[in-house]
């Protein structure tokens, strides 16, 4: 899934930088004359453009293409957010499991040390009883 997301974003960026952006720069460069010998510009430059049916068709195609790319980006963002929520949910579940296991381990070690203490106490009592018995026999 990450490879698909990365590939789609890479394609969108490549299209933007190598096709769309150079065309926009070309259109801007063609519409504005360069003021080489003007010292002061007193009137705004008004570019006269004549629209041909091909230009209008190309503009419509570019608008459709841009709209499609926007929808693709929105879809990719939505899927990214869904993946992020799923990941956060899994992390929360794993943290809960860790807490549970840690608690169980603590309880087991507490019971183990209590059992050891009981055994030690019982052994001490038995040894004391044996010593008392030895002392009485002597």
Protein backbone atom coordinates (compact mmCIF):
# COMPACT_ATOMS: atom_id res chain seq x y z
CA UNK A 1 0.00 0.00 0.00
CA UNK A 2 2.86 2.36 0.82
CA UNK A 3 4.45 1.67 -2.56
CA UNK A 4 1.19 2.51 -4.33
CA UNK A 5 0.83 5.75 -2.39
CA UNK A 6 4.44 6.69 -3.02
CA UNK A 7 4.16 5.88 -6.75
CA UNK A 8 0.97 7.89 -7.16
CA UNK A 9 2.41 10.91 -5.41
CA UNK A 10 5.60 10.63 -7.40
CA UNK A 11 3.66 10.54 -10.68
CA UNK A 12 1.61 13.58 -9.68
CA UNK A 13 4.75 15.52 -8.76
CA UNK A 14 6.53 14.51 -11.98
CA UNK A 15 3.53 15.58 -14.04
CA UNK A 16 3.33 18.88 -12.21
CA UNK A 17 7.00 19.80 -12.49
CA UNK A 18 7.76 18.46 -15.96
CA UNK A 19 4.52 19.04 -17.86
CA UNK A 20 2.08 21.40 -16.18
CA UNK A 21 4.48 23.98 -14.72
CA UNK A 22 6.61 24.43 -17.88
CA UNK A 23 3.45 24.97 -19.93
CA UNK A 24 2.26 27.63 -17.49
CA UNK A 25 5.61 29.38 -17.66
CA UNK A 26 5.52 29.19 -21.44
CA UNK A 27 2.02 30.70 -21.53
CA UNK A 28 3.04 33.51 -19.18
CA UNK A 29 6.21 34.22 -21.15
CA UNK A 30 4.31 34.41 -24.44
CA UNK A 31 1.61 36.72 -23.15
CA UNK A 32 3.84 39.40 -21.61
CA UNK A 33 6.30 41.34 -23.79
CA UNK A 34 9.69 42.00 -22.23
CA UNK A 35 10.27 45.71 -21.39
CA UNK A 36 13.90 45.94 -22.58
CA UNK A 37 14.12 49.64 -23.38
CA UNK A 38 11.46 51.06 -21.10
CA UNK A 39 12.63 53.20 -18.25
CA UNK A 40 9.25 53.97 -16.75
CA UNK A 41 6.09 52.12 -17.35
CA UNK A 42 3.18 54.52 -17.22
CA UNK A 43 0.40 52.29 -18.45
CA UNK A 44 -0.30 48.72 -17.48
CA UNK A 45 0.54 46.12 -20.08
CA UNK A 46 -2.61 44.61 -21.45
CA UNK A 47 -2.01 41.41 -23.32
CA UNK A 48 -4.42 40.80 -26.10
CA UNK A 49 -5.23 37.16 -26.41
CA UNK A 50 -7.27 35.55 -29.07
CA UNK A 51 -8.94 32.31 -28.09
CA UNK A 52 -9.02 29.60 -30.63
CA UNK A 53 -11.18 26.49 -30.30
CA UNK A 54 -8.02 24.41 -29.80
CA UNK A 55 -6.91 26.63 -26.94
CA UNK A 56 -10.32 26.39 -25.32
CA UNK A 57 -10.35 22.61 -25.72
CA UNK A 58 -6.86 22.39 -24.25
CA UNK A 59 -7.90 24.61 -21.36
CA UNK A 60 -10.93 22.41 -20.67
CA UNK A 61 -8.74 19.29 -20.84
CA UNK A 62 -6.31 20.86 -18.39
CA UNK A 63 -9.15 21.78 -16.04
CA UNK A 64 -10.50 18.21 -16.17
CA UNK A 65 -7.00 16.85 -15.59
CA UNK A 66 -6.46 19.18 -12.64
CA UNK A 67 -9.84 18.21 -11.17
CA UNK A 68 -8.97 14.52 -11.54
CA UNK A 69 -5.62 15.06 -9.81
CA UNK A 70 -7.31 16.93 -6.97
CA UNK A 71 -9.74 14.03 -6.49
CA UNK A 72 -6.81 11.60 -6.54
CA UNK A 73 -4.94 13.60 -3.91
CA UNK A 74 -8.06 13.82 -1.72
CA UNK A 75 -8.53 10.05 -2.05
CA UNK A 76 -4.89 9.40 -1.17
CA UNK A 77 -5.15 11.70 1.84
CA UNK A 78 -8.28 9.88 3.02
CA UNK A 79 -6.61 6.48 2.70
CA UNK A 80 -3.54 7.82 4.51
CA UNK A 81 -5.71 9.03 7.41
CA UNK A 82 -7.50 5.66 7.57
CA UNK A 83 -4.15 3.85 7.70
CA UNK A 84 -2.91 6.22 10.39
CA UNK A 85 -6.03 5.61 12.50
CA UNK A 86 -5.67 1.84 12.08
CA UNK A 87 -2.00 2.05 13.09
CA UNK A 88 -2.84 4.14 16.16
CA UNK A 89 -5.56 1.66 17.14
CA UNK A 90 -3.11 -1.25 16.82
CA UNK A 91 -0.54 0.60 18.92
CA UNK A 92 -3.16 1.22 21.62
CA UNK A 93 -4.17 -2.45 21.61
CA UNK A 94 -0.53 -3.55 21.87
CA UNK A 95 0.07 -1.15 24.76
CA UNK A 96 -2.94 -2.61 26.58
CA UNK A 97 -1.60 -6.14 26.00
CA UNK A 98 1.79 -5.09 27.36
CA UNK A 99 0.15 -3.63 30.48
CA UNK A 100 -1.85 -6.83 31.03
CA UNK A 101 1.17 -9.10 30.60
CA UNK A 102 3.28 -6.88 32.87
CA UNK A 103 0.58 -7.01 35.54
CA UNK A 104 0.35 -10.81 35.25
CA UNK A 105 4.11 -11.12 35.47
CA UNK A 106 4.20 -8.93 38.57
CA UNK A 107 1.50 -11.05 40.21
CA UNK A 108 3.36 -14.27 39.37
CA UNK A 109 6.64 -12.97 40.72
CA UNK A 110 4.89 -11.78 43.90
CA UNK A 111 3.34 -15.21 44.39
CA UNK A 112 6.68 -16.86 43.66
CA UNK A 113 8.55 -14.79 46.23
CA UNK A 114 5.79 -15.40 48.80
CA UNK A 115 6.03 -19.15 48.16
CA UNK A 116 9.81 -18.99 48.53
CA UNK A 117 9.47 -17.13 51.80
CA UNK A 118 6.96 -19.70 53.07
CA UNK A 119 9.29 -22.54 52.08
CA UNK A 120 12.25 -20.85 53.73
CA UNK A 121 10.26 -20.30 56.91
CA UNK A 122 9.09 -23.94 56.92
CA UNK A 123 12.66 -25.20 56.37
CA UNK A 124 13.93 -22.98 59.16
CA UNK A 125 11.28 -24.35 61.51
CA UNK A 126 12.14 -27.94 60.50
CA UNK A 127 15.86 -27.32 61.05
CA UNK A 128 15.15 -25.73 64.43
CA UNK A 129 12.95 -28.71 65.35
CA UNK A 130 15.70 -31.14 64.31
CA UNK A 131 18.27 -29.23 66.37
CA UNK A 132 15.95 -29.21 69.37
CA UNK A 133 15.43 -32.96 68.94
CA UNK A 134 19.20 -33.51 68.73
CA UNK A 135 19.71 -31.43 71.86
CA UNK A 136 17.08 -33.47 73.76
CA UNK A 137 18.64 -36.75 72.62
CA UNK A 138 22.09 -35.70 73.79
